[in-house]
Amino acid sequence: MVENVIWPAYLDRELSRSEGRRVPRSSAVPEPTVDEIARAAGQVGYDVVIEREKTYPREYEPRGRVLIENADDAGKSDLLQAVAAYVAVLRE
Protein backbone atom coordinates (compact mmCIF):
# COMPACT_ATOMS: atom_id res chain seq x y z
CA MET A 1 0.00 0.00 0.00
CA VAL A 2 1.34 3.38 -1.01
CA GLU A 3 0.44 6.34 1.15
CA ASN A 4 0.93 9.92 -0.03
CA VAL A 5 0.75 13.02 2.12
CA ILE A 6 -0.80 16.25 0.87
CA TRP A 7 -0.18 19.34 2.95
CA PRO A 8 -2.36 22.40 2.27
CA ALA A 9 0.84 24.35 1.52
CA TYR A 10 1.34 22.20 -1.61
CA LEU A 11 -1.76 23.77 -3.19
CA ASP A 12 -1.63 27.27 -1.67
CA ARG A 13 -1.46 30.01 -4.30
CA GLU A 14 -0.21 32.52 -1.73
CA LEU A 15 3.04 30.56 -1.20
CA SER A 16 6.11 30.44 -3.40
CA ARG A 17 7.76 27.22 -4.51
CA SER A 18 10.48 27.67 -1.88
CA GLU A 19 7.78 28.07 0.78
CA GLY A 20 6.23 24.73 -0.14
CA ARG A 21 3.87 25.11 -3.11
CA ARG A 22 4.23 22.12 -5.43
CA VAL A 23 1.73 22.88 -8.19
CA PRO A 24 1.83 25.74 -10.71
CA ARG A 25 0.35 28.98 -9.41
CA SER A 26 -2.32 28.74 -12.13
CA SER A 27 -3.54 25.44 -10.63
CA ALA A 28 -3.23 26.50 -6.99
CA VAL A 29 -5.99 28.02 -4.83
CA PRO A 30 -5.72 30.56 -2.01
CA GLU A 31 -5.64 29.01 1.47
CA PRO A 32 -6.88 25.47 0.79
CA THR A 33 -8.21 23.50 3.77
CA VAL A 34 -7.76 19.83 4.59
CA ASP A 35 -11.52 19.35 4.20
CA GLU A 36 -11.42 20.70 0.63
CA ILE A 37 -8.38 18.56 -0.19
CA ALA A 38 -9.97 15.42 1.28
CA ARG A 39 -13.23 16.03 -0.59
CA ALA A 40 -11.37 16.60 -3.86
CA ALA A 41 -9.25 13.47 -3.38
CA GLY A 42 -12.42 11.51 -2.68
CA GLN A 43 -13.87 12.81 -5.95
CA VAL A 44 -10.76 11.58 -7.75
CA GLY A 45 -11.40 8.15 -6.21
CA TYR A 46 -8.87 7.82 -3.40
CA ASP A 47 -9.33 6.80 0.21
CA VAL A 48 -8.35 9.65 2.53
CA VAL A 49 -7.51 10.22 6.18
CA ILE A 50 -7.43 13.73 7.65
CA GLU A 51 -4.92 14.52 10.38
CA ARG A 52 -5.90 17.97 11.67
CA GLU A 53 -3.26 18.38 14.40
CA LYS A 54 -0.24 18.12 12.10
CA THR A 55 1.91 21.11 11.15
CA TYR A 56 3.79 21.43 7.88
CA PRO A 57 7.53 21.69 8.70
CA ARG A 58 7.89 25.08 6.98
CA GLU A 59 4.93 26.63 8.83
CA TYR A 60 4.19 27.45 12.45
CA GLU A 61 0.42 27.13 12.62
CA PRO A 62 -1.15 23.67 12.28
CA ARG A 63 -3.33 23.37 9.17
CA GLY A 64 -3.36 19.58 9.14
CA ARG A 65 -2.58 17.17 6.35
CA VAL A 66 -4.38 14.61 4.21
CA LEU A 67 -3.14 11.06 3.79
CA ILE A 68 -4.05 9.49 0.45
CA GLU A 69 -4.12 5.71 0.56
CA ASN A 70 -3.79 3.29 -2.35
CA ALA A 71 -2.41 5.91 -4.71
CA ASP A 72 0.17 3.63 -6.29
CA ASP A 73 -1.21 4.03 -9.82
CA ALA A 74 -0.23 7.70 -10.16
CA GLY A 75 2.87 9.74 -9.46
CA LYS A 76 2.70 12.34 -6.74
CA SER A 77 2.82 15.30 -9.11
CA ASP A 78 -0.08 13.86 -11.14
CA LEU A 79 -2.01 13.27 -7.92
CA LEU A 80 -1.39 16.86 -6.76
CA GLN A 81 -2.48 18.26 -10.15
CA ALA A 82 -5.71 16.26 -10.07
CA VAL A 83 -6.54 17.22 -6.48
CA ALA A 84 -5.72 20.90 -7.15
CA ALA A 85 -8.04 20.90 -10.17
CA TYR A 86 -10.89 19.41 -8.14
CA VAL A 87 -10.38 21.87 -5.26
CA ALA A 88 -10.66 24.71 -7.77
CA VAL A 89 -13.88 23.20 -9.19
CA LEU A 90 -15.34 22.72 -5.70
CA ARG A 91 -14.83 26.42 -5.00
CA GLU A 92 -16.79 27.56 -8.05
PDB file of N, CA and C in Angstrom:
ATOM      1  N   MET A   1       0.839  -1.185   0.000  1.00  0.00           N
ATOM      2  CA  MET A   1       0.000   0.000   0.000  1.00  0.00           C
ATOM      3  C   MET A   1       0.879   1.242   0.000  1.00  0.00           C
ATOM      4  N   VAL A   2       0.607   2.121  -0.915  1.00  0.00           N
ATOM      5  CA  VAL A   2       1.342   3.376  -1.005  1.00  0.00           C
ATOM      6  C   VAL A   2       0.501   4.462  -0.350  1.00  0.00           C
ATOM      7  N   GLU A   3       1.139   5.252   0.478  1.00  0.00           N
ATOM      8  CA  GLU A   3       0.441   6.341   1.154  1.00  0.00           C
ATOM      9  C   GLU A   3       1.133   7.653   0.820  1.00  0.00           C
ATOM     10  N   ASN A   4       0.395   8.597   0.282  1.00  0.00           N
ATOM     11  CA  ASN A   4       0.927   9.920  -0.035  1.00  0.00           C
ATOM     12  C   ASN A   4       0.366  10.938   0.941  1.00  0.00           C
ATOM     13  N   VAL A   5       1.177  11.940   1.236  1.00  0.00           N
ATOM     14  CA  VAL A   5       0.754  13.023   2.122  1.00  0.00           C
ATOM     15  C   VAL A   5       0.553  14.278   1.285  1.00  0.00           C
ATOM     16  N   ILE A   6      -0.569  14.955   1.507  1.00  0.00           N
ATOM     17  CA  ILE A   6      -0.797  16.248   0.867  1.00  0.00           C
ATOM     18  C   ILE A   6      -0.983  17.276   1.975  1.00  0.00           C
ATOM     19  N   TRP A   7      -0.078  18.217   2.029  1.00  0.00           N
ATOM     20  CA  TRP A   7      -0.177  19.343   2.947  1.00  0.00           C
ATOM     21  C   TRP A   7      -0.896  20.471   2.226  1.00  0.00           C
ATOM     22  N   PRO A   8      -1.702  21.262   2.915  1.00  0.00           N
ATOM     23  CA  PRO A   8      -2.360  22.404   2.268  1.00  0.00           C
ATOM     24  C   PRO A   8      -1.371  23.351   1.584  1.00  0.00           C
ATOM     25  N   ALA A   9      -0.172  23.463   2.120  1.00  0.00           N
ATOM     26  CA  ALA A   9       0.842  24.349   1.521  1.00  0.00           C
ATOM     27  C   ALA A   9       1.164  23.939   0.085  1.00  0.00           C
ATOM     28  N   TYR A  10       1.046  22.665  -0.253  1.00  0.00           N
ATOM     29  CA  TYR A  10       1.342  22.199  -1.606  1.00  0.00           C
ATOM     30  C   TYR A  10       0.447  22.871  -2.651  1.00  0.00           C
ATOM     31  N   LEU A  11      -0.766  23.238  -2.248  1.00  0.00           N
ATOM     32  CA  LEU A  11      -1.755  23.768  -3.188  1.00  0.00           C
ATOM     33  C   LEU A  11      -2.057  25.247  -2.966  1.00  0.00           C
ATOM     34  N   ASP A  12      -1.330  25.900  -2.071  1.00  0.00           N
ATOM     35  CA  ASP A  12      -1.632  27.272  -1.667  1.00  0.00           C
ATOM     36  C   ASP A  12      -1.027  28.284  -2.628  1.00  0.00           C
ATOM     37  N   ARG A  13      -1.883  29.014  -3.324  1.00  0.00           N
ATOM     38  CA  ARG A  13      -1.459  30.006  -4.305  1.00  0.00           C
ATOM     39  C   ARG A  13      -0.633  31.120  -3.668  1.00  0.00           C
ATOM     40  N   GLU A  14      -0.873  31.414  -2.414  1.00  0.00           N
ATOM     41  CA  GLU A  14      -0.205  32.516  -1.726  1.00  0.00           C
ATOM     42  C   GLU A  14       1.269  32.213  -1.426  1.00  0.00           C
ATOM     43  N   LEU A  15       1.669  30.953  -1.523  1.00  0.00           N
ATOM     44  CA  LEU A  15       3.040  30.561  -1.197  1.00  0.00           C
ATOM     45  C   LEU A  15       3.883  30.424  -2.460  1.00  0.00           C
ATOM     46  N   SER A  16       5.188  30.649  -2.292  1.00  0.00           N
ATOM     47  CA  SER A  16       6.112  30.444  -3.405  1.00  0.00           C
ATOM     48  C   SER A  16       6.545  28.974  -3.415  1.00  0.00           C
ATOM     49  N   ARG A  17       7.244  28.589  -4.442  1.00  0.00           N
ATOM     50  CA  ARG A  17       7.762  27.222  -4.509  1.00  0.00           C
ATOM     51  C   ARG A  17       8.694  26.929  -3.334  1.00  0.00           C
ATOM     52  N   SER A  18       9.536  27.902  -2.983  1.00  0.00           N
ATOM     53  CA  SER A  18      10.478  27.674  -1.882  1.00  0.00           C
ATOM     54  C   SER A  18       9.770  27.610  -0.527  1.00  0.00           C
ATOM     55  N   GLU A  19       8.554  28.138  -0.453  1.00  0.00           N
ATOM     56  CA  GLU A  19       7.779  28.067   0.783  1.00  0.00           C
ATOM     57  C   GLU A  19       6.930  26.804   0.861  1.00  0.00           C
ATOM     58  N   GLY A  20       6.907  26.017  -0.209  1.00  0.00           N
ATOM     59  CA  GLY A  20       6.232  24.731  -0.145  1.00  0.00           C
ATOM     60  C   GLY A  20       5.220  24.421  -1.216  1.00  0.00           C
ATOM     61  N   ARG A  21       4.845  25.396  -2.062  1.00  0.00           N
ATOM     62  CA  ARG A  21       3.866  25.109  -3.114  1.00  0.00           C
ATOM     63  C   ARG A  21       4.477  24.144  -4.114  1.00  0.00           C
ATOM     64  N   ARG A  22       3.700  23.124  -4.519  1.00  0.00           N
ATOM     65  CA  ARG A  22       4.226  22.118  -5.433  1.00  0.00           C
ATOM     66  C   ARG A  22       3.467  22.017  -6.746  1.00  0.00           C
ATOM     67  N   VAL A  23       2.457  22.843  -6.924  1.00  0.00           N
ATOM     68  CA  VAL A  23       1.727  22.883  -8.190  1.00  0.00           C
ATOM     69  C   VAL A  23       1.919  24.268  -8.798  1.00  0.00           C
ATOM     70  N   PRO A  24       1.715  24.407 -10.109  1.00  0.00           N
ATOM     71  CA  PRO A  24       1.831  25.737 -10.712  1.00  0.00           C
ATOM     72  C   PRO A  24       0.838  26.709 -10.080  1.00  0.00           C
ATOM     73  N   ARG A  25       1.211  27.964 -10.017  1.00  0.00           N
ATOM     74  CA  ARG A  25       0.345  28.982  -9.413  1.00  0.00           C
ATOM     75  C   ARG A  25      -1.023  29.021 -10.110  1.00  0.00           C
ATOM     76  N   SER A  26      -1.053  28.730 -11.401  1.00  0.00           N
ATOM     77  CA  SER A  26      -2.321  28.740 -12.133  1.00  0.00           C
ATOM     78  C   SER A  26      -3.265  27.624 -11.670  1.00  0.00           C
ATOM     79  N   SER A  27      -2.721  26.549 -11.130  1.00  0.00           N
ATOM     80  CA  SER A  27      -3.540  25.437 -10.629  1.00  0.00           C
ATOM     81  C   SER A  27      -3.852  25.559  -9.148  1.00  0.00           C
ATOM     82  N   ALA A  28      -3.095  26.383  -8.443  1.00  0.00           N
ATOM     83  CA  ALA A  28      -3.230  26.505  -6.992  1.00  0.00           C
ATOM     84  C   ALA A  28      -4.445  27.349  -6.619  1.00  0.00           C
ATOM     85  N   VAL A  29      -4.869  27.237  -5.362  1.00  0.00           N
ATOM     86  CA  VAL A  29      -5.987  28.020  -4.831  1.00  0.00           C
ATOM     87  C   VAL A  29      -5.524  28.730  -3.561  1.00  0.00           C
ATOM     88  N   PRO A  30      -6.121  29.865  -3.234  1.00  0.00           N
ATOM     89  CA  PRO A  30      -5.722  30.561  -2.006  1.00  0.00           C
ATOM     90  C   PRO A  30      -6.233  29.830  -0.759  1.00  0.00           C
ATOM     91  N   GLU A  31      -5.345  29.596   0.167  1.00  0.00           N
ATOM     92  CA  GLU A  31      -5.637  29.009   1.471  1.00  0.00           C
ATOM     93  C   GLU A  31      -6.540  27.770   1.412  1.00  0.00           C
ATOM     94  N   PRO A  32      -6.072  26.690   0.808  1.00  0.00           N
ATOM     95  CA  PRO A  32      -6.878  25.467   0.786  1.00  0.00           C
ATOM     96  C   PRO A  32      -6.958  24.847   2.185  1.00  0.00           C
ATOM     97  N   THR A  33      -8.044  24.167   2.472  1.00  0.00           N
ATOM     98  CA  THR A  33      -8.213  23.499   3.765  1.00  0.00           C
ATOM     99  C   THR A  33      -8.098  21.991   3.575  1.00  0.00           C
ATOM    100  N   VAL A  34      -7.846  21.286   4.676  1.00  0.00           N
ATOM    101  CA  VAL A  34      -7.759  19.828   4.590  1.00  0.00           C
ATOM    102  C   VAL A  34      -9.106  19.227   4.193  1.00  0.00           C
ATOM    103  N   ASP A  35     -10.200  19.865   4.583  1.00  0.00           N
ATOM    104  CA  ASP A  35     -11.517  19.354   4.203  1.00  0.00           C
ATOM    105  C   ASP A  35     -11.730  19.429   2.690  1.00  0.00           C
ATOM    106  N   GLU A  36     -11.317  20.553   2.087  1.00  0.00           N
ATOM    107  CA  GLU A  36     -11.425  20.697   0.628  1.00  0.00           C
ATOM    108  C   GLU A  36     -10.537  19.678  -0.078  1.00  0.00           C
ATOM    109  N   ILE A  37      -9.326  19.506   0.424  1.00  0.00           N
ATOM    110  CA  ILE A  37      -8.385  18.561  -0.191  1.00  0.00           C
ATOM    111  C   ILE A  37      -8.918  17.139  -0.086  1.00  0.00           C
ATOM    112  N   ALA A  38      -9.438  16.773   1.086  1.00  0.00           N
ATOM    113  CA  ALA A  38      -9.974  15.425   1.283  1.00  0.00           C
ATOM    114  C   ALA A  38     -11.186  15.181   0.378  1.00  0.00           C
ATOM    115  N   ARG A  39     -12.049  16.171   0.282  1.00  0.00           N
ATOM    116  CA  ARG A  39     -13.227  16.031  -0.587  1.00  0.00           C
ATOM    117  C   ARG A  39     -12.818  15.885  -2.049  1.00  0.00           C
ATOM    118  N   ALA A  40     -11.842  16.684  -2.473  1.00  0.00           N
ATOM    119  CA  ALA A  40     -11.368  16.600  -3.858  1.00  0.00           C
ATOM    120  C   ALA A  40     -10.716  15.255  -4.129  1.00  0.00           C
ATOM    121  N   ALA A  41      -9.909  14.772  -3.197  1.00  0.00           N
ATOM    122  CA  ALA A  41      -9.250  13.468  -3.377  1.00  0.00           C
ATOM    123  C   ALA A  41     -10.279  12.345  -3.413  1.00  0.00           C
ATOM    124  N   GLY A  42     -11.328  12.485  -2.638  1.00  0.00           N
ATOM    125  CA  GLY A  42     -12.417  11.511  -2.680  1.00  0.00           C
ATOM    126  C   GLY A  42     -13.107  11.515  -4.024  1.00  0.00           C
ATOM    127  N   GLN A  43     -13.266  12.705  -4.624  1.00  0.00           N
ATOM    128  CA  GLN A  43     -13.868  12.812  -5.952  1.00  0.00           C
ATOM    129  C   GLN A  43     -13.002  12.138  -7.011  1.00  0.00           C
ATOM    130  N   VAL A  44     -11.680  12.216  -6.813  1.00  0.00           N
ATOM    131  CA  VAL A  44     -10.764  11.581  -7.754  1.00  0.00           C
ATOM    132  C   VAL A  44     -10.826  10.062  -7.596  1.00  0.00           C
ATOM    133  N   GLY A  45     -11.235   9.580  -6.415  1.00  0.00           N
ATOM    134  CA  GLY A  45     -11.396   8.148  -6.207  1.00  0.00           C
ATOM    135  C   GLY A  45     -10.439   7.536  -5.213  1.00  0.00           C
ATOM    136  N   TYR A  46      -9.820   8.345  -4.375  1.00  0.00           N
ATOM    137  CA  TYR A  46      -8.866   7.816  -3.396  1.00  0.00           C
ATOM    138  C   TYR A  46      -9.485   7.769  -2.008  1.00  0.00           C
ATOM    139  N   ASP A  47      -8.956   6.858  -1.192  1.00  0.00           N
ATOM    140  CA  ASP A  47      -9.327   6.798   0.215  1.00  0.00           C
ATOM    141  C   ASP A  47      -8.470   7.810   0.960  1.00  0.00           C
ATOM    142  N   VAL A  48      -9.074   8.584   1.845  1.00  0.00           N
ATOM    143  CA  VAL A  48      -8.351   9.653   2.531  1.00  0.00           C
ATOM    144  C   VAL A  48      -8.497   9.546   4.042  1.00  0.00           C
ATOM    145  N   VAL A  49      -7.486  10.075   4.727  1.00  0.00           N
ATOM    146  CA  VAL A  49      -7.506  10.218   6.181  1.00  0.00           C
ATOM    147  C   VAL A  49      -7.039  11.632   6.471  1.00  0.00           C
ATOM    148  N   ILE A  50      -7.806  12.363   7.274  1.00  0.00           N
ATOM    149  CA  ILE A  50      -7.429  13.729   7.648  1.00  0.00           C
ATOM    150  C   ILE A  50      -6.766  13.704   9.011  1.00  0.00           C
ATOM    151  N   GLU A  51      -5.600  14.347   9.104  1.00  0.00           N
ATOM    152  CA  GLU A  51      -4.915  14.522  10.384  1.00  0.00           C
ATOM    153  C   GLU A  51      -4.842  16.028  10.648  1.00  0.00           C
ATOM    154  N   ARG A  52      -5.759  16.539  11.453  1.00  0.00           N
ATOM    155  CA  ARG A  52      -5.898  17.974  11.668  1.00  0.00           C
ATOM    156  C   ARG A  52      -4.821  18.587  12.564  1.00  0.00           C
ATOM    157  N   GLU A  53      -4.212  17.823  13.428  1.00  0.00           N
ATOM    158  CA  GLU A  53      -3.265  18.380  14.396  1.00  0.00           C
ATOM    159  C   GLU A  53      -1.841  18.514  13.865  1.00  0.00           C
ATOM    160  N   LYS A  54      -1.585  18.088  12.663  1.00  0.00           N
ATOM    161  CA  LYS A  54      -0.237  18.120  12.099  1.00  0.00           C
ATOM    162  C   LYS A  54       0.116  19.503  11.561  1.00  0.00           C
ATOM    163  N   THR A  55       1.408  19.827  11.638  1.00  0.00           N
ATOM    164  CA  THR A  55       1.907  21.111  11.151  1.00  0.00           C
ATOM    165  C   THR A  55       2.969  20.871  10.095  1.00  0.00           C
ATOM    166  N   TYR A  56       2.809  21.510   8.951  1.00  0.00           N
ATOM    167  CA  TYR A  56       3.792  21.430   7.877  1.00  0.00           C
ATOM    168  C   TYR A  56       5.128  21.963   8.398  1.00  0.00           C
ATOM    169  N   PRO A  57       6.236  21.282   8.130  1.00  0.00           N
ATOM    170  CA  PRO A  57       7.531  21.686   8.698  1.00  0.00           C
ATOM    171  C   PRO A  57       7.967  23.116   8.392  1.00  0.00           C
ATOM    172  N   ARG A  58       7.494  23.712   7.312  1.00  0.00           N
ATOM    173  CA  ARG A  58       7.886  25.078   6.979  1.00  0.00           C
ATOM    174  C   ARG A  58       6.935  26.127   7.534  1.00  0.00           C
ATOM    175  N   GLU A  59       5.911  25.704   8.267  1.00  0.00           N
ATOM    176  CA  GLU A  59       4.934  26.630   8.829  1.00  0.00           C
ATOM    177  C   GLU A  59       4.910  26.504  10.348  1.00  0.00           C
ATOM    178  N   TYR A  60       4.267  27.460  10.991  1.00  0.00           N
ATOM    179  CA  TYR A  60       4.193  27.450  12.453  1.00  0.00           C
ATOM    180  C   TYR A  60       2.809  27.114  12.970  1.00  0.00           C
ATOM    181  N   GLU A  61       1.795  27.410  12.204  1.00  0.00           N
ATOM    182  CA  GLU A  61       0.419  27.133  12.616  1.00  0.00           C
ATOM    183  C   GLU A  61      -0.042  25.797  12.019  1.00  0.00           C
ATOM    184  N   PRO A  62      -0.660  24.944  12.821  1.00  0.00           N
ATOM    185  CA  PRO A  62      -1.151  23.674  12.281  1.00  0.00           C
ATOM    186  C   PRO A  62      -2.339  23.866  11.356  1.00  0.00           C
ATOM    187  N   ARG A  63      -2.214  23.358  10.122  1.00  0.00           N
ATOM    188  CA  ARG A  63      -3.331  23.371   9.167  1.00  0.00           C
ATOM    189  C   ARG A  63      -3.771  21.946   8.855  1.00  0.00           C
ATOM    190  N   GLY A  64      -3.038  20.976   9.382  1.00  0.00           N
ATOM    191  CA  GLY A  64      -3.364  19.584   9.142  1.00  0.00           C
ATOM    192  C   GLY A  64      -2.737  19.064   7.867  1.00  0.00           C
ATOM    193  N   ARG A  65      -3.037  17.802   7.585  1.00  0.00           N
ATOM    194  CA  ARG A  65      -2.582  17.167   6.350  1.00  0.00           C
ATOM    195  C   ARG A  65      -3.577  16.090   5.972  1.00  0.00           C
ATOM    196  N   VAL A  66      -3.497  15.657   4.728  1.00  0.00           N
ATOM    197  CA  VAL A  66      -4.378  14.614   4.212  1.00  0.00           C
ATOM    198  C   VAL A  66      -3.516  13.457   3.746  1.00  0.00           C
ATOM    199  N   LEU A  67      -3.827  12.271   4.232  1.00  0.00           N
ATOM    200  CA  LEU A  67      -3.144  11.062   3.787  1.00  0.00           C
ATOM    201  C   LEU A  67      -3.993  10.415   2.700  1.00  0.00           C
ATOM    202  N   ILE A  68      -3.379  10.137   1.577  1.00  0.00           N
ATOM    203  CA  ILE A  68      -4.053   9.490   0.452  1.00  0.00           C
ATOM    204  C   ILE A  68      -3.558   8.053   0.409  1.00  0.00           C
ATOM    205  N   GLU A  69      -4.489   7.124   0.552  1.00  0.00           N
ATOM    206  CA  GLU A  69      -4.124   5.710   0.563  1.00  0.00           C
ATOM    207  C   GLU A  69      -4.407   5.077  -0.791  1.00  0.00           C
ATOM    208  N   ASN A  70      -3.629   4.052  -1.104  1.00  0.00           N
ATOM    209  CA  ASN A  70      -3.786   3.289  -2.345  1.00  0.00           C
ATOM    210  C   ASN A  70      -3.642   4.156  -3.582  1.00  0.00           C
ATOM    211  N   ALA A  71      -2.650   5.026  -3.573  1.00  0.00           N
ATOM    212  CA  ALA A  71      -2.409   5.913  -4.714  1.00  0.00           C
ATOM    213  C   ALA A  71      -1.193   5.460  -5.511  1.00  0.00           C
ATOM    214  N   ASP A  72      -1.020   4.153  -5.628  1.00  0.00           N
ATOM    215  CA  ASP A  72       0.171   3.630  -6.293  1.00  0.00           C
ATOM    216  C   ASP A  72       0.095   3.678  -7.819  1.00  0.00           C
ATOM    217  N   ASP A  73      -1.073   3.999  -8.368  1.00  0.00           N
ATOM    218  CA  ASP A  73      -1.210   4.028  -9.824  1.00  0.00           C
ATOM    219  C   ASP A  73      -0.789   5.367 -10.438  1.00  0.00           C
ATOM    220  N   ALA A  74      -0.597   6.389  -9.628  1.00  0.00           N
ATOM    221  CA  ALA A  74      -0.234   7.705 -10.163  1.00  0.00           C
ATOM    222  C   ALA A  74       0.986   8.246  -9.425  1.00  0.00           C
ATOM    223  N   GLY A  75       1.756   9.060 -10.114  1.00  0.00           N
ATOM    224  CA  GLY A  75       2.867   9.737  -9.465  1.00  0.00           C
ATOM    225  C   GLY A  75       2.335  10.857  -8.583  1.00  0.00           C
ATOM    226  N   LYS A  76       3.161  11.316  -7.675  1.00  0.00           N
ATOM    227  CA  LYS A  76       2.703  12.335  -6.737  1.00  0.00           C
ATOM    228  C   LYS A  76       2.351  13.642  -7.443  1.00  0.00           C
ATOM    229  N   SER A  77       3.132  14.043  -8.430  1.00  0.00           N
ATOM    230  CA  SER A  77       2.823  15.304  -9.108  1.00  0.00           C
ATOM    231  C   SER A  77       1.499  15.205  -9.859  1.00  0.00           C
ATOM    232  N   ASP A  78       1.210  14.051 -10.472  1.00  0.00           N
ATOM    233  CA  ASP A  78      -0.082  13.863 -11.136  1.00  0.00           C
ATOM    234  C   ASP A  78      -1.227  13.891 -10.127  1.00  0.00           C
ATOM    235  N   LEU A  79      -1.008  13.271  -8.982  1.00  0.00           N
ATOM    236  CA  LEU A  79      -2.006  13.270  -7.922  1.00  0.00           C
ATOM    237  C   LEU A  79      -2.286  14.688  -7.440  1.00  0.00           C
ATOM    238  N   LEU A  80      -1.231  15.473  -7.218  1.00  0.00           N
ATOM    239  CA  LEU A  80      -1.393  16.858  -6.764  1.00  0.00           C
ATOM    240  C   LEU A  80      -2.122  17.703  -7.807  1.00  0.00           C
ATOM    241  N   GLN A  81      -1.801  17.515  -9.068  1.00  0.00           N
ATOM    242  CA  GLN A  81      -2.478  18.257 -10.150  1.00  0.00           C
ATOM    243  C   GLN A  81      -3.970  17.944 -10.164  1.00  0.00           C
ATOM    244  N   ALA A  82      -4.311  16.663 -10.039  1.00  0.00           N
ATOM    245  CA  ALA A  82      -5.714  16.260 -10.066  1.00  0.00           C
ATOM    246  C   ALA A  82      -6.474  16.817  -8.866  1.00  0.00           C
ATOM    247  N   VAL A  83      -5.881  16.721  -7.695  1.00  0.00           N
ATOM    248  CA  VAL A  83      -6.538  17.222  -6.483  1.00  0.00           C
ATOM    249  C   VAL A  83      -6.690  18.740  -6.559  1.00  0.00           C
ATOM    250  N   ALA A  84      -5.648  19.441  -7.020  1.00  0.00           N
ATOM    251  CA  ALA A  84      -5.724  20.903  -7.146  1.00  0.00           C
ATOM    252  C   ALA A  84      -6.842  21.307  -8.105  1.00  0.00           C
ATOM    253  N   ALA A  85      -6.982  20.587  -9.202  1.00  0.00           N
ATOM    254  CA  ALA A  85      -8.040  20.901 -10.167  1.00  0.00           C
ATOM    255  C   ALA A  85      -9.418  20.712  -9.541  1.00  0.00           C
ATOM    256  N   TYR A  86      -9.600  19.639  -8.770  1.00  0.00           N
ATOM    257  CA  TYR A  86     -10.889  19.410  -8.138  1.00  0.00           C
ATOM    258  C   TYR A  86     -11.182  20.416  -7.031  1.00  0.00           C
ATOM    259  N   VAL A  87     -10.169  20.832  -6.291  1.00  0.00           N
ATOM    260  CA  VAL A  87     -10.381  21.868  -5.259  1.00  0.00           C
ATOM    261  C   VAL A  87     -10.861  23.150  -5.931  1.00  0.00           C
ATOM    262  N   ALA A  88     -10.249  23.507  -7.050  1.00  0.00           N
ATOM    263  CA  ALA A  88     -10.661  24.709  -7.774  1.00  0.00           C
ATOM    264  C   ALA A  88     -12.113  24.588  -8.250  1.00  0.00           C
ATOM    265  N   VAL A  89     -12.503  23.417  -8.731  1.00  0.00           N
ATOM    266  CA  VAL A  89     -13.877  23.197  -9.192  1.00  0.00           C
ATOM    267  C   VAL A  89     -14.857  23.257  -8.007  1.00  0.00           C
ATOM    268  N   LEU A  90     -14.461  22.710  -6.875  1.00  0.00           N
ATOM    269  CA  LEU A  90     -15.336  22.724  -5.701  1.00  0.00           C
ATOM    270  C   LEU A  90     -15.605  24.137  -5.203  1.00  0.00           C
ATOM    271  N   ARG A  91     -14.676  25.046  -5.449  1.00  0.00           N
ATOM    272  CA  ARG A  91     -14.828  26.420  -4.998  1.00  0.00           C
ATOM    273  C   ARG A  91     -15.703  27.268  -5.924  1.00  0.00           C
ATOM    274  N   GLU A  92     -15.995  26.775  -7.097  1.00  0.00           N
ATOM    275  CA  GLU A  92     -16.794  27.565  -8.054  1.00  0.00           C
ATOM    276  C   GLU A  92     -18.258  27.588  -7.666  1.00  0.00           C
TER     277      GLU A  92
END
